[in-house]
């Protein structure tokens, strides 16, 4: 494995103690890290596993390599799978696993992906517009910037980036690409900068929100998250836990909503004396408010500033359902 992969992936794992404690890891249990990254969270889970097993999933080949190195001391207790966590259910079924004791997702982009300029995730490095978490996929950030209709670019930047100047940025991108393809991050930076009034560029880098939006679209991040959480909850054994770390309000809103729906799925009118819809709670939201980083972590790792952890615990009433997977 290249040294730069090793160094970059050994970053400070966000909300490490809070997340592993939230999982309630029990010796002999089966756990899944659906966003393996460099294996920081996975390592702490392995230290508590005893003779249990951890399945680590990541779509980034570099992450699989880095985590394999970091978790080498637990090789007999881990299985690493290169895939998107939305395929967790089928990939684990292929391994003979239908229910698990805990699942964790850290939805943040890894330090390696941000810090390795050639990947095109960061506006800090001049690089081709890529942003693919899984480099086997064909769609790149460059395809989005150069080929999406202007009104679609506007929607993405507005909705996924929550950028107030989305309409103007989309307009400037469309005008620039009509002259020549936009090929690099620095080219895109200049276009975005020109689209935002000078007096409004003081709140961080002007490209930040637009890059977030393009990355989310390129990797279908919100679509994948929305379509995966119900399945993950269904996979949990009774008292099993799902821990999810988010980094922006769009992700957090999805997690909060789906957790709440699984806790209280009843659709009966509020004035009905008893429930007649037959929808049974799948468990309990453990974190009524999201867990955030403490002062020490905020000082050591500025990337933890926007991190929020939410935890859901499976109830006993759903035992039959979870045992019916596939």
Protein backbone atom coordinates (compact mmCIF):
# COMPACT_ATOMS: atom_id res chain seq x y z
CA UNK A 1 0.00 0.00 0.00
CA UNK A 2 1.29 3.44 -0.86
CA UNK A 3 2.62 5.43 2.09
CA UNK A 4 0.34 8.40 1.35
CA UNK A 5 -2.72 6.17 1.76
CA UNK A 6 -1.47 4.93 5.12
CA UNK A 7 -0.68 8.41 6.43
CA UNK A 8 -3.87 10.08 5.22
CA UNK A 9 -6.21 7.41 6.48
CA UNK A 10 -4.71 7.50 9.98
CA UNK A 11 -6.74 10.56 10.80
CA UNK A 12 -8.55 11.25 14.01
CA UNK A 13 -11.77 9.21 13.92
CA UNK A 14 -14.67 11.56 14.62
CA UNK A 15 -16.74 10.85 17.77
CA UNK A 16 -14.75 7.65 18.24
CA UNK A 17 -15.51 6.87 21.88
CA UNK A 18 -19.12 8.04 21.66
CA UNK A 19 -19.83 5.90 18.60
CA UNK A 20 -18.21 2.70 19.85
CA UNK A 21 -19.91 3.11 23.23
CA UNK A 22 -23.18 3.71 21.40
CA UNK A 23 -22.83 0.37 19.64
CA UNK A 24 -22.70 -1.51 22.97
CA UNK A 25 -20.23 -3.99 21.49
CA UNK A 26 -20.52 -7.41 23.08
CA UNK A 27 -17.86 -10.15 22.85
CA UNK A 28 -18.82 -12.75 20.29
CA UNK A 29 -21.18 -10.41 18.45
CA UNK A 30 -21.37 -9.60 14.74
CA UNK A 31 -20.87 -5.98 13.73
CA UNK A 32 -20.67 -4.01 10.49
CA UNK A 33 -18.75 -0.83 9.71
CA UNK A 34 -20.47 0.31 6.53
CA UNK A 35 -18.05 3.18 5.87
CA UNK A 36 -14.73 1.61 6.79
CA UNK A 37 -12.40 4.45 5.79
CA UNK A 38 -9.04 3.96 7.47
CA UNK A 39 -10.50 1.60 10.06
CA UNK A 40 -10.36 3.88 13.10
CA UNK A 41 -13.83 3.04 14.40
CA UNK A 42 -13.43 -0.57 13.26
CA UNK A 43 -10.22 -0.96 15.28
CA UNK A 44 -11.96 0.04 18.51
CA UNK A 45 -14.83 -2.35 17.76
CA UNK A 46 -12.36 -5.18 17.14
CA UNK A 47 -10.68 -4.55 20.49
CA UNK A 48 -14.00 -5.32 22.18
CA UNK A 49 -15.11 -8.20 19.96
CA UNK A 50 -13.43 -11.17 21.57
CA UNK A 51 -14.27 -14.08 19.28
CA UNK A 52 -16.87 -12.04 17.39
CA UNK A 53 -16.68 -10.80 13.81
CA UNK A 54 -16.55 -7.44 12.07
CA UNK A 55 -17.56 -6.88 8.46
CA UNK A 56 -15.97 -3.76 7.02
CA UNK A 57 -17.47 -2.23 3.88
CA UNK A 58 -16.13 0.60 1.74
CA UNK A 59 -16.41 1.43 -1.94
CA UNK A 60 -12.98 3.07 -2.05
CA UNK A 61 -10.18 0.65 -2.88
CA UNK A 62 -7.65 2.81 -1.03
CA UNK A 63 -9.75 2.58 2.13
CA UNK A 64 -9.88 -1.20 1.94
CA UNK A 65 -6.09 -1.30 1.59
CA UNK A 66 -5.49 1.12 4.47
CA UNK A 67 -7.97 -0.59 6.80
CA UNK A 68 -6.52 -4.00 6.00
CA UNK A 69 -3.13 -2.76 7.20
CA UNK A 70 -4.52 -1.13 10.31
CA UNK A 71 -6.64 -4.12 11.31
CA UNK A 72 -4.01 -6.76 10.49
CA UNK A 73 -3.82 -7.82 14.14
CA UNK A 74 -7.47 -8.89 13.98
CA UNK A 75 -7.30 -10.63 10.60
CA UNK A 76 -9.06 -13.74 11.93
CA UNK A 77 -12.03 -11.65 13.07
CA UNK A 78 -12.65 -9.37 10.09
CA UNK A 79 -14.02 -9.60 6.57
CA UNK A 80 -13.46 -6.64 4.25
CA UNK A 81 -15.85 -6.03 1.35
CA UNK A 82 -15.42 -3.43 -1.37
CA UNK A 83 -18.91 -2.12 -2.03
CA UNK A 84 -21.37 0.65 -1.25
CA UNK A 85 -23.16 0.20 2.08
CA UNK A 86 -26.48 0.24 0.23
CA UNK A 87 -25.61 -3.32 -0.84
CA UNK A 88 -24.89 -4.43 2.74
CA UNK A 89 -27.91 -6.70 2.97
CA UNK A 90 -27.09 -8.78 -0.10
CA UNK A 91 -23.32 -8.84 0.47
CA UNK A 92 -23.70 -10.10 4.02
CA UNK A 93 -26.32 -12.65 2.93
CA UNK A 94 -23.71 -13.99 0.50
CA UNK A 95 -21.43 -14.44 3.52
CA UNK A 96 -24.18 -16.35 5.33
CA UNK A 97 -25.05 -13.42 7.61
CA UNK A 98 -28.67 -12.26 7.84
CA UNK A 99 -28.77 -10.50 11.21
CA UNK A 100 -26.14 -8.54 13.12
CA UNK A 101 -25.66 -6.99 16.55
CA UNK A 102 -24.64 -3.53 15.42
CA UNK A 103 -23.98 -1.32 12.42
CA UNK A 104 -22.07 1.94 12.20
CA UNK A 105 -21.92 4.56 9.45
CA UNK A 106 -19.52 7.52 9.39
CA UNK A 107 -20.81 9.57 6.46
CA UNK A 108 -17.92 12.02 6.34
CA UNK A 109 -15.55 12.15 3.39
CA UNK A 110 -12.24 10.64 4.50
CA UNK A 111 -9.12 12.70 5.05
CA UNK A 112 -7.44 10.74 2.26
CA UNK A 113 -10.14 11.68 -0.22
CA UNK A 114 -9.94 15.35 0.75
CA UNK A 115 -6.16 15.52 1.07
CA UNK A 116 -5.25 13.52 -2.03
CA UNK A 117 -5.50 16.29 -4.61
CA UNK A 118 -5.85 14.02 -7.62
CA UNK A 119 -9.25 12.80 -6.42
CA UNK A 120 -10.80 16.24 -7.05
CA UNK A 121 -12.77 16.40 -3.79
CA UNK A 122 -11.10 19.54 -2.52
CA UNK A 123 -11.04 23.09 -3.85
CA UNK A 124 -7.58 23.44 -2.27
CA UNK A 125 -5.77 21.46 -4.98
CA UNK A 126 -5.72 21.94 -8.74
CA UNK A 127 -6.91 18.61 -10.11
CA UNK A 128 -9.29 17.05 -12.64
CA UNK A 129 -12.97 17.23 -11.62
CA UNK A 130 -13.49 13.68 -10.35
CA UNK A 131 -15.04 13.30 -6.84
CA UNK A 132 -15.88 9.60 -7.28
CA UNK A 133 -15.75 7.65 -4.03
CA UNK A 134 -15.82 4.46 -6.09
CA UNK A 135 -13.54 4.96 -9.07
CA UNK A 136 -15.21 2.06 -10.87
CA UNK A 137 -18.25 4.23 -11.59
CA UNK A 138 -18.32 6.24 -14.79
CA UNK A 139 -20.06 9.48 -13.70
CA UNK A 140 -17.60 12.14 -12.52
CA UNK A 141 -17.92 15.67 -11.18
CA UNK A 142 -16.69 16.84 -14.57
CA UNK A 143 -19.62 15.15 -16.28
CA UNK A 144 -22.05 16.91 -13.95
CA UNK A 145 -20.45 20.34 -14.36
CA UNK A 146 -20.17 20.11 -18.14
CA UNK A 147 -23.28 18.20 -19.17
CA UNK A 148 -26.11 18.70 -16.67
CA UNK A 149 -28.71 21.26 -17.84
CA UNK A 150 -28.36 24.65 -16.16
CA UNK A 151 -31.66 24.29 -14.28
CA UNK A 152 -30.54 20.89 -12.95
CA UNK A 153 -27.24 22.35 -11.78
CA UNK A 154 -29.19 25.08 -10.04
CA UNK A 155 -31.40 22.54 -8.26
CA UNK A 156 -28.42 20.47 -7.10
CA UNK A 157 -26.40 23.44 -5.83
CA UNK A 158 -29.48 24.92 -4.12
CA UNK A 159 -30.76 21.71 -2.53
CA UNK A 160 -27.57 19.76 -1.81
CA UNK A 161 -25.26 22.69 -1.15
CA UNK A 162 -27.85 24.97 0.44
CA UNK A 163 -26.09 27.73 -1.49
CA UNK A 164 -27.94 31.08 -1.62
CA UNK A 165 -26.23 32.03 -4.89
CA UNK A 166 -27.02 28.70 -6.59
CA UNK A 167 -28.86 30.26 -9.52
CA UNK A 168 -26.02 32.61 -10.36
CA UNK A 169 -23.38 29.89 -9.97
CA UNK A 170 -25.28 27.58 -12.33
CA UNK A 171 -25.60 30.46 -14.82
CA UNK A 172 -21.87 31.24 -14.70
CA UNK A 173 -20.98 27.54 -15.11
CA UNK A 174 -23.24 27.27 -18.16
CA UNK A 175 -21.70 30.38 -19.70
CA UNK A 176 -18.13 29.18 -19.09
CA UNK A 177 -18.62 25.66 -20.44
CA UNK A 178 -20.21 27.05 -23.62
CA UNK A 179 -16.76 28.46 -24.46
CA UNK A 180 -14.70 25.42 -23.39
CA UNK A 181 -15.09 22.39 -21.09
CA UNK A 182 -14.45 23.04 -17.39
CA UNK A 183 -11.73 20.52 -16.60
CA UNK A 184 -10.13 21.32 -13.24
CA UNK A 185 -11.04 22.32 -9.71
CA UNK A 186 -9.21 25.65 -9.98
CA UNK A 187 -11.13 26.51 -13.16
CA UNK A 188 -14.37 25.78 -11.32
CA UNK A 189 -13.20 27.81 -8.31
CA UNK A 190 -12.73 30.91 -10.45
CA UNK A 191 -16.18 30.54 -11.99
CA UNK A 192 -17.83 30.16 -8.58
CA UNK A 193 -15.86 33.08 -7.16
CA UNK A 194 -17.00 35.33 -10.00
CA UNK A 195 -20.63 34.29 -9.44
CA UNK A 196 -20.67 35.37 -5.78
CA UNK A 197 -20.61 39.07 -4.81
CA UNK A 198 -17.26 40.05 -3.29
CA UNK A 199 -18.78 41.18 0.02
CA UNK A 200 -20.39 37.74 0.45
CA UNK A 201 -17.16 35.75 0.10
CA UNK A 202 -16.06 36.23 3.71
CA UNK A 203 -17.78 33.19 5.19
CA UNK A 204 -15.30 30.46 4.29
CA UNK A 205 -14.21 29.44 0.82
CA UNK A 206 -16.78 30.41 -1.83
CA UNK A 207 -16.61 26.95 -3.45
CA UNK A 208 -17.39 24.97 -0.30
CA UNK A 209 -21.15 24.55 -0.72
CA UNK A 210 -21.03 23.97 -4.46
CA UNK A 211 -18.39 21.24 -4.10
CA UNK A 212 -20.51 19.56 -1.43
CA UNK A 213 -23.50 19.61 -3.78
CA UNK A 214 -21.60 18.19 -6.75
CA UNK A 215 -20.02 15.46 -4.60
CA UNK A 216 -23.40 14.43 -3.19
CA UNK A 217 -24.88 14.21 -6.69
CA UNK A 218 -21.87 12.37 -8.11
CA UNK A 219 -22.01 9.67 -5.43
CA UNK A 220 -25.82 9.61 -4.93
CA UNK A 221 -25.12 10.10 -1.22
CA UNK A 222 -28.57 11.16 -0.02
CA UNK A 223 -30.36 8.65 -2.24
CA UNK A 224 -28.18 5.83 -0.94
CA UNK A 225 -28.65 6.87 2.70
CA UNK A 226 -32.43 7.22 2.40
CA UNK A 227 -32.74 3.83 0.72
CA UNK A 228 -30.52 1.95 3.20
CA UNK A 229 -31.49 2.81 6.78
CA UNK A 230 -34.73 0.81 6.94
CA UNK A 231 -32.92 -2.30 5.70
CA UNK A 232 -30.17 -1.83 8.27
CA UNK A 233 -32.67 -1.55 11.11
CA UNK A 234 -34.40 -4.70 9.83
CA UNK A 235 -31.04 -6.53 9.93
CA UNK A 236 -30.43 -5.82 13.61
CA UNK A 237 -30.93 -8.45 16.26
CA UNK A 238 -33.10 -7.43 19.25
CA UNK A 239 -31.17 -4.82 21.28
CA UNK A 240 -28.83 -4.34 18.32
CA UNK A 241 -27.86 -0.76 17.50
CA UNK A 242 -27.39 1.41 14.43
CA UNK A 243 -25.03 4.37 14.92
CA UNK A 244 -24.86 7.05 12.22
CA UNK A 245 -22.50 10.04 12.12
CA UNK A 246 -23.56 12.84 9.78
CA UNK A 247 -21.76 16.02 8.74
CA UNK A 248 -24.40 18.28 7.26
CA UNK A 249 -28.04 19.07 7.87
CA UNK A 250 -29.34 17.17 4.83
CA UNK A 251 -27.94 13.85 6.07
CA UNK A 252 -28.92 14.52 9.67
CA UNK A 253 -32.49 15.32 8.68
CA UNK A 254 -32.79 12.01 6.80
CA UNK A 255 -31.42 10.00 9.73
CA UNK A 256 -33.60 11.80 12.26
CA UNK A 257 -36.75 11.31 10.17
CA UNK A 258 -36.19 7.62 9.42
CA UNK A 259 -35.25 6.81 13.01
CA UNK A 260 -38.40 8.56 14.25
CA UNK A 261 -40.58 6.75 11.71
CA UNK A 262 -39.18 3.37 12.79
CA UNK A 263 -39.79 4.20 16.44
CA UNK A 264 -43.35 5.48 15.93
CA UNK A 265 -44.69 4.17 12.58
CA UNK A 266 -48.40 4.37 13.47
CA UNK A 267 -50.41 6.25 10.82
CA UNK A 268 -53.74 6.27 12.66
CA UNK A 269 -55.42 9.66 13.20
CA UNK A 270 -54.40 11.11 16.58
CA UNK A 271 -57.98 10.99 17.86
CA UNK A 272 -58.27 7.18 17.42
CA UNK A 273 -58.49 5.52 20.85
CA UNK A 274 -56.43 2.50 19.69
CA UNK A 275 -54.08 1.76 16.81
CA UNK A 276 -55.72 -0.03 13.89
CA UNK A 277 -53.06 0.41 11.19
CA UNK A 278 -51.06 -2.55 12.53
CA UNK A 279 -47.68 -0.85 12.16
CA UNK A 280 -45.42 -1.93 15.01
CA UNK A 281 -42.47 0.03 16.38
CA UNK A 282 -39.12 -1.40 15.39
CA UNK A 283 -37.29 0.03 18.36
CA UNK A 284 -36.19 3.16 20.14
CA UNK A 285 -34.24 6.28 19.25
CA UNK A 286 -31.52 6.28 21.91
CA UNK A 287 -30.29 9.82 21.17
CA UNK A 288 -33.14 12.28 21.63
CA UNK A 289 -30.65 14.96 20.68
CA UNK A 290 -27.63 14.19 18.50
CA UNK A 291 -24.28 13.62 20.20
CA UNK A 292 -21.68 16.20 19.20
CA UNK A 293 -17.94 16.55 19.77
CA UNK A 294 -16.61 17.81 23.07
CA UNK A 295 -14.18 20.68 23.51
CA UNK A 296 -11.12 18.41 23.49
CA UNK A 297 -12.05 16.80 20.19
CA UNK A 298 -13.01 20.14 18.64
CA UNK A 299 -9.54 21.44 19.51
CA UNK A 300 -7.75 18.37 18.13
CA UNK A 301 -9.83 17.90 14.99
CA UNK A 302 -11.67 20.81 13.39
CA UNK A 303 -13.48 18.41 11.05
CA UNK A 304 -15.51 17.18 14.02
CA UNK A 305 -17.21 20.58 14.34
CA UNK A 306 -20.22 19.62 12.21
CA UNK A 307 -20.42 15.94 13.22
CA UNK A 308 -23.63 14.60 14.77
CA UNK A 309 -24.18 11.07 16.06
CA UNK A 310 -27.63 9.48 16.26
CA UNK A 311 -28.30 5.97 17.63
CA UNK A 312 -31.25 3.62 17.13
CA UNK A 313 -31.81 0.43 19.15
CA UNK A 314 -33.85 -2.48 17.77
CA UNK A 315 -36.77 -3.66 19.88
CA UNK A 316 -37.81 -7.21 20.68
CA UNK A 317 -41.13 -6.82 18.86
CA UNK A 318 -39.27 -6.82 15.52
CA UNK A 319 -37.36 -10.06 16.14
CA UNK A 320 -39.46 -12.07 13.70
CA UNK A 321 -39.08 -9.43 10.99
CA UNK A 322 -35.30 -9.19 11.32
CA UNK A 323 -34.96 -12.94 11.04
CA UNK A 324 -36.74 -12.93 7.69
CA UNK A 325 -34.06 -11.09 5.74
CA UNK A 326 -33.71 -12.63 2.30
